[in-house]
Amino acid sequence: MAEDKILVTGATGATGGGASDCLAGYARAIGDEVALIWNLLGLFALANVVTRSVLSAPGLLNFIHAETPNRMMGMFPYLFIPASFVPLAVVLHVVAMRAIGIALQQDR
């Protein structure tokens, strides 16, 4: 487990030990939890965007009426945004949350 150790160098170039090692482990645990919450908020933001875009698109579910209908997302070059980038973002958030969950389980 030597590769997990974080070395902290001071102004003199000497490596710190003791308290800095404890703080580095504590910061990693807090950082993992913050990253997990950040990814969860990212998934909620993606769900919000998808819901709003479906509700503002022309069709049966057009409950949000805008002055200009949202027709561009169904045309060729712009179709790649909802068709590929949104699922990619969801998959990346889920994979990151899974990796963070595994790291949190190994630390405990």
PDB file of N, CA and C in Angstrom:
ATOM      1  N   MET A   1       0.807  -1.188   0.000  1.00  0.00           N
ATOM      2  CA  MET A   1       0.000   0.000   0.000  1.00  0.00           C
ATOM      3  C   MET A   1       0.851   1.252   0.000  1.00  0.00           C
ATOM      4  N   ALA A   2       2.099   1.139  -0.370  1.00  0.00           N
ATOM      5  CA  ALA A   2       2.971   2.304  -0.413  1.00  0.00           C
ATOM      6  C   ALA A   2       2.580   3.248  -1.533  1.00  0.00           C
ATOM      7  N   GLU A   3       1.938   2.727  -2.582  1.00  0.00           N
ATOM      8  CA  GLU A   3       1.556   3.602  -3.688  1.00  0.00           C
ATOM      9  C   GLU A   3       0.380   4.499  -3.330  1.00  0.00           C
ATOM     10  N   ASP A   4      -0.376   4.167  -2.266  1.00  0.00           N
ATOM     11  CA  ASP A   4      -1.473   5.006  -1.821  1.00  0.00           C
ATOM     12  C   ASP A   4      -1.008   6.160  -0.956  1.00  0.00           C
ATOM     13  N   LYS A   5       0.238   6.143  -0.505  1.00  0.00           N
ATOM     14  CA  LYS A   5       0.751   7.166   0.392  1.00  0.00           C
ATOM     15  C   LYS A   5       1.011   8.449  -0.386  1.00  0.00           C
ATOM     16  N   ILE A   6       0.574   9.559   0.161  1.00  0.00           N
ATOM     17  CA  ILE A   6       0.768  10.859  -0.454  1.00  0.00           C
ATOM     18  C   ILE A   6       1.887  11.569   0.279  1.00  0.00           C
ATOM     19  N   LEU A   7       2.886  12.003  -0.455  1.00  0.00           N
ATOM     20  CA  LEU A   7       3.984  12.738   0.160  1.00  0.00           C
ATOM     21  C   LEU A   7       3.735  14.227   0.017  1.00  0.00           C
ATOM     22  N   VAL A   8       3.908  14.935   1.103  1.00  0.00           N
ATOM     23  CA  VAL A   8       3.722  16.372   1.107  1.00  0.00           C
ATOM     24  C   VAL A   8       5.088  17.006   1.308  1.00  0.00           C
ATOM     25  N   THR A   9       5.484  17.858   0.374  1.00  0.00           N
ATOM     26  CA  THR A   9       6.779  18.512   0.511  1.00  0.00           C
ATOM     27  C   THR A   9       6.570  19.942   0.975  1.00  0.00           C
ATOM     28  N   GLY A  10       7.417  20.381   1.859  1.00  0.00           N
ATOM     29  CA  GLY A  10       7.351  21.743   2.363  1.00  0.00           C
ATOM     30  C   GLY A  10       8.244  22.674   1.568  1.00  0.00           C
ATOM     31  N   ALA A  11       8.456  23.859   2.093  1.00  0.00           N
ATOM     32  CA  ALA A  11       9.282  24.848   1.401  1.00  0.00           C
ATOM     33  C   ALA A  11      10.746  24.415   1.358  1.00  0.00           C
ATOM     34  N   THR A  12      11.157  23.609   2.326  1.00  0.00           N
ATOM     35  CA  THR A  12      12.545  23.155   2.356  1.00  0.00           C
ATOM     36  C   THR A  12      12.762  21.893   1.527  1.00  0.00           C
ATOM     37  N   GLY A  13      11.676  21.295   1.041  1.00  0.00           N
ATOM     38  CA  GLY A  13      11.795  20.080   0.242  1.00  0.00           C
ATOM     39  C   GLY A  13      11.733  18.818   1.069  1.00  0.00           C
ATOM     40  N   ALA A  14      11.597  18.944   2.383  1.00  0.00           N
ATOM     41  CA  ALA A  14      11.517  17.767   3.241  1.00  0.00           C
ATOM     42  C   ALA A  14      10.107  17.185   3.155  1.00  0.00           C
ATOM     43  N   THR A  15      10.030  15.877   3.221  1.00  0.00           N
ATOM     44  CA  THR A  15       8.715  15.249   3.159  1.00  0.00           C
ATOM     45  C   THR A  15       8.086  15.245   4.533  1.00  0.00           C
ATOM     46  N   GLY A  16       6.800  15.528   4.558  1.00  0.00           N
ATOM     47  CA  GLY A  16       6.068  15.553   5.815  1.00  0.00           C
ATOM     48  C   GLY A  16       5.585  14.170   6.181  1.00  0.00           C
ATOM     49  N   GLY A  17       5.321  13.957   7.412  1.00  0.00           N
ATOM     50  CA  GLY A  17       4.825  12.669   7.884  1.00  0.00           C
ATOM     51  C   GLY A  17       3.906  12.888   9.054  1.00  0.00           C
ATOM     52  N   GLY A  18       3.389  11.813   9.589  1.00  0.00           N
ATOM     53  CA  GLY A  18       2.561  11.906  10.787  1.00  0.00           C
ATOM     54  C   GLY A  18       1.218  12.538  10.518  1.00  0.00           C
ATOM     55  N   ALA A  19       1.048  13.780  10.907  1.00  0.00           N
ATOM     56  CA  ALA A  19      -0.234  14.468  10.798  1.00  0.00           C
ATOM     57  C   ALA A  19      -0.659  14.642   9.342  1.00  0.00           C
ATOM     58  N   SER A  20       0.293  14.880   8.457  1.00  0.00           N
ATOM     59  CA  SER A  20      -0.080  15.075   7.045  1.00  0.00           C
ATOM     60  C   SER A  20      -0.604  13.781   6.446  1.00  0.00           C
ATOM     61  N   ASP A  21      -0.075  12.632   6.876  1.00  0.00           N
ATOM     62  CA  ASP A  21      -0.591  11.355   6.389  1.00  0.00           C
ATOM     63  C   ASP A  21      -2.034  11.141   6.852  1.00  0.00           C
ATOM     64  N   CYS A  22      -2.326  11.493   8.091  1.00  0.00           N
ATOM     65  CA  CYS A  22      -3.693  11.356   8.598  1.00  0.00           C
ATOM     66  C   CYS A  22      -4.634  12.295   7.861  1.00  0.00           C
ATOM     67  N   LEU A  23      -4.194  13.527   7.622  1.00  0.00           N
ATOM     68  CA  LEU A  23      -5.032  14.489   6.912  1.00  0.00           C
ATOM     69  C   LEU A  23      -5.265  14.067   5.467  1.00  0.00           C
ATOM     70  N   ALA A  24      -4.274  13.461   4.830  1.00  0.00           N
ATOM     71  CA  ALA A  24      -4.432  13.025   3.442  1.00  0.00           C
ATOM     72  C   ALA A  24      -5.479  11.921   3.349  1.00  0.00           C
ATOM     73  N   GLY A  25      -5.483  10.986   4.275  1.00  0.00           N
ATOM     74  CA  GLY A  25      -6.492   9.929   4.279  1.00  0.00           C
ATOM     75  C   GLY A  25      -7.877  10.464   4.557  1.00  0.00           C
ATOM     76  N   TYR A  26      -7.982  11.423   5.475  1.00  0.00           N
ATOM     77  CA  TYR A  26      -9.261  12.043   5.800  1.00  0.00           C
ATOM     78  C   TYR A  26      -9.780  12.844   4.618  1.00  0.00           C
ATOM     79  N   ALA A  27      -8.887  13.574   3.939  1.00  0.00           N
ATOM     80  CA  ALA A  27      -9.281  14.379   2.783  1.00  0.00           C
ATOM     81  C   ALA A  27      -9.747  13.484   1.646  1.00  0.00           C
ATOM     82  N   ARG A  28      -9.137  12.321   1.490  1.00  0.00           N
ATOM     83  CA  ARG A  28      -9.552  11.417   0.419  1.00  0.00           C
ATOM     84  C   ARG A  28     -10.957  10.895   0.682  1.00  0.00           C
ATOM     85  N   ALA A  29     -11.258  10.548   1.930  1.00  0.00           N
ATOM     86  CA  ALA A  29     -12.595  10.048   2.260  1.00  0.00           C
ATOM     87  C   ALA A  29     -13.645  11.126   2.034  1.00  0.00           C
ATOM     88  N   ILE A  30     -13.355  12.344   2.447  1.00  0.00           N
ATOM     89  CA  ILE A  30     -14.292  13.448   2.223  1.00  0.00           C
ATOM     90  C   ILE A  30     -14.397  13.746   0.733  1.00  0.00           C
ATOM     91  N   GLY A  31     -13.277  13.693   0.023  1.00  0.00           N
ATOM     92  CA  GLY A  31     -13.286  13.951  -1.412  1.00  0.00           C
ATOM     93  C   GLY A  31     -14.107  12.936  -2.173  1.00  0.00           C
ATOM     94  N   ASP A  32     -14.052  11.667  -1.771  1.00  0.00           N
ATOM     95  CA  ASP A  32     -14.851  10.636  -2.424  1.00  0.00           C
ATOM     96  C   ASP A  32     -16.341  10.867  -2.189  1.00  0.00           C
ATOM     97  N   GLU A  33     -16.696  11.245  -0.974  1.00  0.00           N
ATOM     98  CA  GLU A  33     -18.102  11.511  -0.682  1.00  0.00           C
ATOM     99  C   GLU A  33     -18.601  12.735  -1.438  1.00  0.00           C
ATOM    100  N   VAL A  34     -17.775  13.766  -1.539  1.00  0.00           N
ATOM    101  CA  VAL A  34     -18.152  14.960  -2.297  1.00  0.00           C
ATOM    102  C   VAL A  34     -18.289  14.620  -3.781  1.00  0.00           C
ATOM    103  N   ALA A  35     -17.387  13.799  -4.304  1.00  0.00           N
ATOM    104  CA  ALA A  35     -17.468  13.395  -5.704  1.00  0.00           C
ATOM    105  C   ALA A  35     -18.717  12.557  -5.963  1.00  0.00           C
ATOM    106  N   LEU A  36     -19.104  11.730  -5.004  1.00  0.00           N
ATOM    107  CA  LEU A  36     -20.320  10.936  -5.146  1.00  0.00           C
ATOM    108  C   LEU A  36     -21.552  11.838  -5.189  1.00  0.00           C
ATOM    109  N   ILE A  37     -21.602  12.814  -4.305  1.00  0.00           N
ATOM    110  CA  ILE A  37     -22.720  13.768  -4.291  1.00  0.00           C
ATOM    111  C   ILE A  37     -22.721  14.598  -5.571  1.00  0.00           C
ATOM    112  N   TRP A  38     -21.543  14.998  -6.039  1.00  0.00           N
ATOM    113  CA  TRP A  38     -21.428  15.792  -7.263  1.00  0.00           C
ATOM    114  C   TRP A  38     -21.975  15.015  -8.459  1.00  0.00           C
ATOM    115  N   ASN A  39     -21.644  13.724  -8.560  1.00  0.00           N
ATOM    116  CA  ASN A  39     -22.145  12.908  -9.656  1.00  0.00           C
ATOM    117  C   ASN A  39     -23.648  12.688  -9.548  1.00  0.00           C
ATOM    118  N   LEU A  40     -24.154  12.553  -8.345  1.00  0.00           N
ATOM    119  CA  LEU A  40     -25.601  12.408  -8.162  1.00  0.00           C
ATOM    120  C   LEU A  40     -26.321  13.687  -8.591  1.00  0.00           C
ATOM    121  N   LEU A  41     -25.774  14.844  -8.231  1.00  0.00           N
ATOM    122  CA  LEU A  41     -26.357  16.113  -8.679  1.00  0.00           C
ATOM    123  C   LEU A  41     -26.275  16.251 -10.188  1.00  0.00           C
ATOM    124  N   GLY A  42     -25.204  15.747 -10.796  1.00  0.00           N
ATOM    125  CA  GLY A  42     -25.089  15.763 -12.252  1.00  0.00           C
ATOM    126  C   GLY A  42     -26.157  14.920 -12.917  1.00  0.00           C
ATOM    127  N   LEU A  43     -26.474  13.762 -12.328  1.00  0.00           N
ATOM    128  CA  LEU A  43     -27.553  12.928 -12.865  1.00  0.00           C
ATOM    129  C   LEU A  43     -28.903  13.620 -12.726  1.00  0.00           C
ATOM    130  N   PHE A  44     -29.134  14.296 -11.603  1.00  0.00           N
ATOM    131  CA  PHE A  44     -30.380  15.043 -11.442  1.00  0.00           C
ATOM    132  C   PHE A  44     -30.478  16.184 -12.456  1.00  0.00           C
ATOM    133  N   ALA A  45     -29.374  16.851 -12.733  1.00  0.00           N
ATOM    134  CA  ALA A  45     -29.374  17.926 -13.725  1.00  0.00           C
ATOM    135  C   ALA A  45     -29.665  17.378 -15.121  1.00  0.00           C
ATOM    136  N   LEU A  46     -29.078  16.235 -15.455  1.00  0.00           N
ATOM    137  CA  LEU A  46     -29.375  15.617 -16.753  1.00  0.00           C
ATOM    138  C   LEU A  46     -30.844  15.210 -16.850  1.00  0.00           C
ATOM    139  N   ALA A  47     -31.392  14.661 -15.779  1.00  0.00           N
ATOM    140  CA  ALA A  47     -32.810  14.290 -15.781  1.00  0.00           C
ATOM    141  C   ALA A  47     -33.691  15.519 -15.957  1.00  0.00           C
ATOM    142  N   ASN A  48     -33.320  16.635 -15.342  1.00  0.00           N
ATOM    143  CA  ASN A  48     -34.058  17.879 -15.482  1.00  0.00           C
ATOM    144  C   ASN A  48     -34.027  18.366 -16.929  1.00  0.00           C
ATOM    145  N   VAL A  49     -32.866  18.329 -17.556  1.00  0.00           N
ATOM    146  CA  VAL A  49     -32.738  18.795 -18.936  1.00  0.00           C
ATOM    147  C   VAL A  49     -33.532  17.906 -19.887  1.00  0.00           C
ATOM    148  N   VAL A  50     -33.446  16.603 -19.703  1.00  0.00           N
ATOM    149  CA  VAL A  50     -34.184  15.684 -20.577  1.00  0.00           C
ATOM    150  C   VAL A  50     -35.690  15.881 -20.395  1.00  0.00           C
ATOM    151  N   THR A  51     -36.141  16.032 -19.157  1.00  0.00           N
ATOM    152  CA  THR A  51     -37.569  16.242 -18.899  1.00  0.00           C
ATOM    153  C   THR A  51     -38.061  17.527 -19.542  1.00  0.00           C
ATOM    154  N   ARG A  52     -37.290  18.605 -19.375  1.00  0.00           N
ATOM    155  CA  ARG A  52     -37.698  19.883 -19.964  1.00  0.00           C
ATOM    156  C   ARG A  52     -37.678  19.833 -21.488  1.00  0.00           C
ATOM    157  N   SER A  53     -36.717  19.139 -22.067  1.00  0.00           N
ATOM    158  CA  SER A  53     -36.660  19.081 -23.532  1.00  0.00           C
ATOM    159  C   SER A  53     -37.801  18.238 -24.095  1.00  0.00           C
ATOM    160  N   VAL A  54     -38.178  17.168 -23.401  1.00  0.00           N
ATOM    161  CA  VAL A  54     -39.314  16.357 -23.861  1.00  0.00           C
ATOM    162  C   VAL A  54     -40.612  17.141 -23.715  1.00  0.00           C
ATOM    163  N   LEU A  55     -40.762  17.864 -22.624  1.00  0.00           N
ATOM    164  CA  LEU A  55     -41.993  18.613 -22.401  1.00  0.00           C
ATOM    165  C   LEU A  55     -42.104  19.863 -23.264  1.00  0.00           C
ATOM    166  N   SER A  56     -41.007  20.330 -23.854  1.00  0.00           N
ATOM    167  CA  SER A  56     -41.071  21.509 -24.717  1.00  0.00           C
ATOM    168  C   SER A  56     -40.995  21.157 -26.198  1.00  0.00           C
ATOM    169  N   ALA A  57     -40.784  19.881 -26.523  1.00  0.00           N
ATOM    170  CA  ALA A  57     -40.729  19.459 -27.927  1.00  0.00           C
ATOM    171  C   ALA A  57     -42.142  19.384 -28.492  1.00  0.00           C
ATOM    172  N   PRO A  58     -42.298  19.663 -29.775  1.00  0.00           N
ATOM    173  CA  PRO A  58     -43.638  19.547 -30.367  1.00  0.00           C
ATOM    174  C   PRO A  58     -44.101  18.087 -30.366  1.00  0.00           C
ATOM    175  N   GLY A  59     -45.357  17.874 -30.049  1.00  0.00           N
ATOM    176  CA  GLY A  59     -45.909  16.528 -30.005  1.00  0.00           C
ATOM    177  C   GLY A  59     -46.953  16.400 -28.918  1.00  0.00           C
ATOM    178  N   LEU A  60     -47.218  15.171 -28.518  1.00  0.00           N
ATOM    179  CA  LEU A  60     -48.267  14.920 -27.524  1.00  0.00           C
ATOM    180  C   LEU A  60     -47.888  15.395 -26.128  1.00  0.00           C
ATOM    181  N   LEU A  61     -46.626  15.393 -25.812  1.00  0.00           N
ATOM    182  CA  LEU A  61     -46.173  15.781 -24.466  1.00  0.00           C
ATOM    183  C   LEU A  61     -45.741  17.243 -24.388  1.00  0.00           C
ATOM    184  N   ASN A  62     -46.239  18.078 -25.254  1.00  0.00           N
ATOM    185  CA  ASN A  62     -45.852  19.490 -25.290  1.00  0.00           C
ATOM    186  C   ASN A  62     -46.635  20.250 -24.218  1.00  0.00           C
ATOM    187  N   PHE A  63     -46.163  20.162 -22.982  1.00  0.00           N
ATOM    188  CA  PHE A  63     -46.807  20.853 -21.870  1.00  0.00           C
ATOM    189  C   PHE A  63     -46.148  22.192 -21.560  1.00  0.00           C
ATOM    190  N   ILE A  64     -44.914  22.386 -21.995  1.00  0.00           N
ATOM    191  CA  ILE A  64     -44.229  23.663 -21.819  1.00  0.00           C
ATOM    192  C   ILE A  64     -44.261  24.365 -23.170  1.00  0.00           C
ATOM    193  N   HIS A  65     -45.092  25.372 -23.270  1.00  0.00           N
ATOM    194  CA  HIS A  65     -45.251  26.073 -24.539  1.00  0.00           C
ATOM    195  C   HIS A  65     -44.291  27.245 -24.599  1.00  0.00           C
ATOM    196  N   ALA A  66     -43.503  27.279 -25.650  1.00  0.00           N
ATOM    197  CA  ALA A  66     -42.563  28.375 -25.863  1.00  0.00           C
ATOM    198  C   ALA A  66     -42.983  29.125 -27.131  1.00  0.00           C
ATOM    199  N   GLU A  67     -42.435  30.316 -27.286  1.00  0.00           N
ATOM    200  CA  GLU A  67     -42.757  31.077 -28.489  1.00  0.00           C
ATOM    201  C   GLU A  67     -42.242  30.359 -29.735  1.00  0.00           C
ATOM    202  N   THR A  68     -41.049  29.798 -29.621  1.00  0.00           N
ATOM    203  CA  THR A  68     -40.460  29.056 -30.728  1.00  0.00           C
ATOM    204  C   THR A  68     -40.379  27.593 -30.318  1.00  0.00           C
ATOM    205  N   PRO A  69     -41.011  26.684 -31.067  1.00  0.00           N
ATOM    206  CA  PRO A  69     -40.935  25.277 -30.681  1.00  0.00           C
ATOM    207  C   PRO A  69     -39.522  24.714 -30.840  1.00  0.00           C
ATOM    208  N   ASN A  70     -39.240  23.694 -30.077  1.00  0.00           N
ATOM    209  CA  ASN A  70     -37.927  23.074 -30.058  1.00  0.00           C
ATOM    210  C   ASN A  70     -37.862  22.004 -31.153  1.00  0.00           C
ATOM    211  N   ARG A  71     -37.652  22.425 -32.398  1.00  0.00           N
ATOM    212  CA  ARG A  71     -37.621  21.486 -33.518  1.00  0.00           C
ATOM    213  C   ARG A  71     -36.214  21.150 -33.974  1.00  0.00           C
ATOM    214  N   MET A  72     -35.251  21.941 -33.596  1.00  0.00           N
ATOM    215  CA  MET A  72     -33.889  21.741 -34.094  1.00  0.00           C
ATOM    216  C   MET A  72     -33.249  20.463 -33.563  1.00  0.00           C
ATOM    217  N   MET A  73     -33.615  20.010 -32.394  1.00  0.00           N
ATOM    218  CA  MET A  73     -32.995  18.814 -31.827  1.00  0.00           C
ATOM    219  C   MET A  73     -33.390  17.546 -32.569  1.00  0.00           C
ATOM    220  N   GLY A  74     -34.390  17.607 -33.422  1.00  0.00           N
ATOM    221  CA  GLY A  74     -34.788  16.452 -34.207  1.00  0.00           C
ATOM    222  C   GLY A  74     -34.182  16.424 -35.590  1.00  0.00           C
ATOM    223  N   MET A  75     -33.389  17.439 -35.935  1.00  0.00           N
ATOM    224  CA  MET A  75     -32.778  17.503 -37.259  1.00  0.00           C
ATOM    225  C   MET A  75     -31.362  16.943 -37.216  1.00  0.00           C
ATOM    226  N   PHE A  76     -30.811  16.646 -38.400  1.00  0.00           N
ATOM    227  CA  PHE A  76     -29.597  15.835 -38.522  1.00  0.00           C
ATOM    228  C   PHE A  76     -28.411  16.222 -37.646  1.00  0.00           C
ATOM    229  N   PRO A  77     -27.765  17.340 -37.822  1.00  0.00           N
ATOM    230  CA  PRO A  77     -26.530  17.459 -37.018  1.00  0.00           C
ATOM    231  C   PRO A  77     -26.801  17.609 -35.524  1.00  0.00           C
ATOM    232  N   TYR A  78     -27.934  18.190 -35.174  1.00  0.00           N
ATOM    233  CA  TYR A  78     -28.241  18.424 -33.761  1.00  0.00           C
ATOM    234  C   TYR A  78     -28.817  17.188 -33.090  1.00  0.00           C
ATOM    235  N   LEU A  79     -29.174  16.184 -33.867  1.00  0.00           N
ATOM    236  CA  LEU A  79     -29.722  14.955 -33.313  1.00  0.00           C
ATOM    237  C   LEU A  79     -28.688  14.185 -32.499  1.00  0.00           C
ATOM    238  N   PHE A  80     -27.408  14.418 -32.777  1.00  0.00           N
ATOM    239  CA  PHE A  80     -26.356  13.717 -32.046  1.00  0.00           C
ATOM    240  C   PHE A  80     -26.277  14.153 -30.586  1.00  0.00           C
ATOM    241  N   ILE A  81     -26.712  15.348 -30.275  1.00  0.00           N
ATOM    242  CA  ILE A  81     -26.641  15.834 -28.892  1.00  0.00           C
ATOM    243  C   ILE A  81     -27.535  14.994 -27.973  1.00  0.00           C
ATOM    244  N   PRO A  82     -28.861  14.901 -28.244  1.00  0.00           N
ATOM    245  CA  PRO A  82     -29.667  14.074 -27.339  1.00  0.00           C
ATOM    246  C   PRO A  82     -29.498  12.578 -27.561  1.00  0.00           C
ATOM    247  N   ALA A  83     -29.076  12.187 -28.763  1.00  0.00           N
ATOM    248  CA  ALA A  83     -29.001  10.761 -29.066  1.00  0.00           C
ATOM    249  C   ALA A  83     -27.720  10.102 -28.561  1.00  0.00           C
ATOM    250  N   SER A  84     -26.635  10.858 -28.436  1.00  0.00           N
ATOM    251  CA  SER A  84     -25.377  10.218 -28.032  1.00  0.00           C
ATOM    252  C   SER A  84     -24.723  10.867 -26.816  1.00  0.00           C
ATOM    253  N   PHE A  85     -24.731  12.179 -26.742  1.00  0.00           N
ATOM    254  CA  PHE A  85     -24.014  12.834 -25.649  1.00  0.00           C
ATOM    255  C   PHE A  85     -24.722  12.689 -24.306  1.00  0.00           C
ATOM    256  N   VAL A  86     -26.036  12.735 -24.299  1.00  0.00           N
ATOM    257  CA  VAL A  86     -26.767  12.590 -23.035  1.00  0.00           C
ATOM    258  C   VAL A  86     -26.619  11.170 -22.476  1.00  0.00           C
ATOM    259  N   PRO A  87     -26.820  10.102 -23.286  1.00  0.00           N
ATOM    260  CA  PRO A  87     -26.567   8.763 -22.726  1.00  0.00           C
ATOM    261  C   PRO A  87     -25.111   8.559 -22.312  1.00  0.00           C
ATOM    262  N   LEU A  88     -24.182   9.158 -23.057  1.00  0.00           N
ATOM    263  CA  LEU A  88     -22.775   9.060 -22.678  1.00  0.00           C
ATOM    264  C   LEU A  88     -22.533   9.713 -21.319  1.00  0.00           C
ATOM    265  N   ALA A  89     -23.119  10.874 -21.094  1.00  0.00           N
ATOM    266  CA  ALA A  89     -22.965  11.559 -19.812  1.00  0.00           C
ATOM    267  C   ALA A  89     -23.575  10.730 -18.677  1.00  0.00           C
ATOM    268  N   VAL A  90     -24.722  10.112 -18.917  1.00  0.00           N
ATOM    269  CA  VAL A  90     -25.356   9.279 -17.888  1.00  0.00           C
ATOM    270  C   VAL A  90     -24.462   8.084 -17.556  1.00  0.00           C
ATOM    271  N   VAL A  91     -23.948   7.423 -18.587  1.00  0.00           N
ATOM    272  CA  VAL A  91     -23.083   6.255 -18.364  1.00  0.00           C
ATOM    273  C   VAL A  91     -21.820   6.655 -17.615  1.00  0.00           C
ATOM    274  N   LEU A  92     -21.221   7.776 -17.976  1.00  0.00           N
ATOM    275  CA  LEU A  92     -20.003   8.216 -17.295  1.00  0.00           C
ATOM    276  C   LEU A  92     -20.273   8.561 -15.831  1.00  0.00           C
ATOM    277  N   HIS A  93     -21.416   9.189 -15.545  1.00  0.00           N
ATOM    278  CA  HIS A  93     -21.770   9.477 -14.151  1.00  0.00           C
ATOM    279  C   HIS A  93     -21.960   8.183 -13.361  1.00  0.00           C
ATOM    280  N   VAL A  94     -22.645   7.213 -13.954  1.00  0.00           N
ATOM    281  CA  VAL A  94     -22.895   5.951 -13.251  1.00  0.00           C
ATOM    282  C   VAL A  94     -21.592   5.194 -13.023  1.00  0.00           C
ATOM    283  N   VAL A  95     -20.717   5.167 -14.024  1.00  0.00           N
ATOM    284  CA  VAL A  95     -19.430   4.480 -13.874  1.00  0.00           C
ATOM    285  C   VAL A  95     -18.581   5.158 -12.795  1.00  0.00           C
ATOM    286  N   ALA A  96     -18.579   6.484 -12.779  1.00  0.00           N
ATOM    287  CA  ALA A  96     -17.816   7.202 -11.757  1.00  0.00           C
ATOM    288  C   ALA A  96     -18.385   6.926 -10.367  1.00  0.00           C
ATOM    289  N   MET A  97     -19.714   6.917 -10.239  1.00  0.00           N
ATOM    290  CA  MET A  97     -20.319   6.635  -8.938  1.00  0.00           C
ATOM    291  C   MET A  97     -20.015   5.208  -8.486  1.00  0.00           C
ATOM    292  N   ARG A  98     -19.992   4.282  -9.413  1.00  0.00           N
ATOM    293  CA  ARG A  98     -19.664   2.896  -9.059  1.00  0.00           C
ATOM    294  C   ARG A  98     -18.209   2.786  -8.591  1.00  0.00           C
ATOM    295  N   ALA A  99     -17.300   3.460  -9.290  1.00  0.00           N
ATOM    296  CA  ALA A  99     -15.888   3.422  -8.892  1.00  0.00           C
ATOM    297  C   ALA A  99     -15.680   4.087  -7.536  1.00  0.00           C
ATOM    298  N   ILE A 100     -16.376   5.180  -7.281  1.00  0.00           N
ATOM    299  CA  ILE A 100     -16.263   5.848  -5.987  1.00  0.00           C
ATOM    300  C   ILE A 100     -16.838   4.970  -4.884  1.00  0.00           C
ATOM    301  N   GLY A 101     -17.960   4.292  -5.168  1.00  0.00           N
ATOM    302  CA  GLY A 101     -18.544   3.387  -4.183  1.00  0.00           C
ATOM    303  C   GLY A 101     -17.616   2.237  -3.840  1.00  0.00           C
ATOM    304  N   ILE A 102     -16.940   1.695  -4.844  1.00  0.00           N
ATOM    305  CA  ILE A 102     -15.976   0.618  -4.598  1.00  0.00           C
ATOM    306  C   ILE A 102     -14.806   1.134  -3.767  1.00  0.00           C
ATOM    307  N   ALA A 103     -14.328   2.345  -4.072  1.00  0.00           N
ATOM    308  CA  ALA A 103     -13.214   2.922  -3.302  1.00  0.00           C
ATOM    309  C   ALA A 103     -13.624   3.186  -1.853  1.00  0.00           C
ATOM    310  N   LEU A 104     -14.852   3.635  -1.649  1.00  0.00           N
ATOM    311  CA  LEU A 104     -15.318   3.873  -0.279  1.00  0.00           C
ATOM    312  C   LEU A 104     -15.456   2.573   0.493  1.00  0.00           C
ATOM    313  N   GLN A 105     -15.898   1.496  -0.165  1.00  0.00           N
ATOM    314  CA  GLN A 105     -16.012   0.206   0.518  1.00  0.00           C
ATOM    315  C   GLN A 105     -14.651  -0.359   0.870  1.00  0.00           C
ATOM    316  N   GLN A 106     -13.657  -0.160   0.019  1.00  0.00           N
ATOM    317  CA  GLN A 106     -12.307  -0.677   0.296  1.00  0.00           C
ATOM    318  C   GLN A 106     -11.639   0.091   1.427  1.00  0.00           C
ATOM    319  N   ASP A 107     -11.969   1.378   1.576  1.00  0.00           N
ATOM    320  CA  ASP A 107     -11.376   2.170   2.650  1.00  0.00           C
ATOM    321  C   ASP A 107     -11.923   1.788   4.015  1.00  0.00           C
ATOM    322  N   ARG A 108     -13.112   1.251   4.076  1.00  0.00           N
ATOM    323  CA  ARG A 108     -13.734   0.942   5.371  1.00  0.00           C
ATOM    324  C   ARG A 108     -13.485  -0.435   5.763  1.00  0.00           C
TER     325      ARG A 108
END
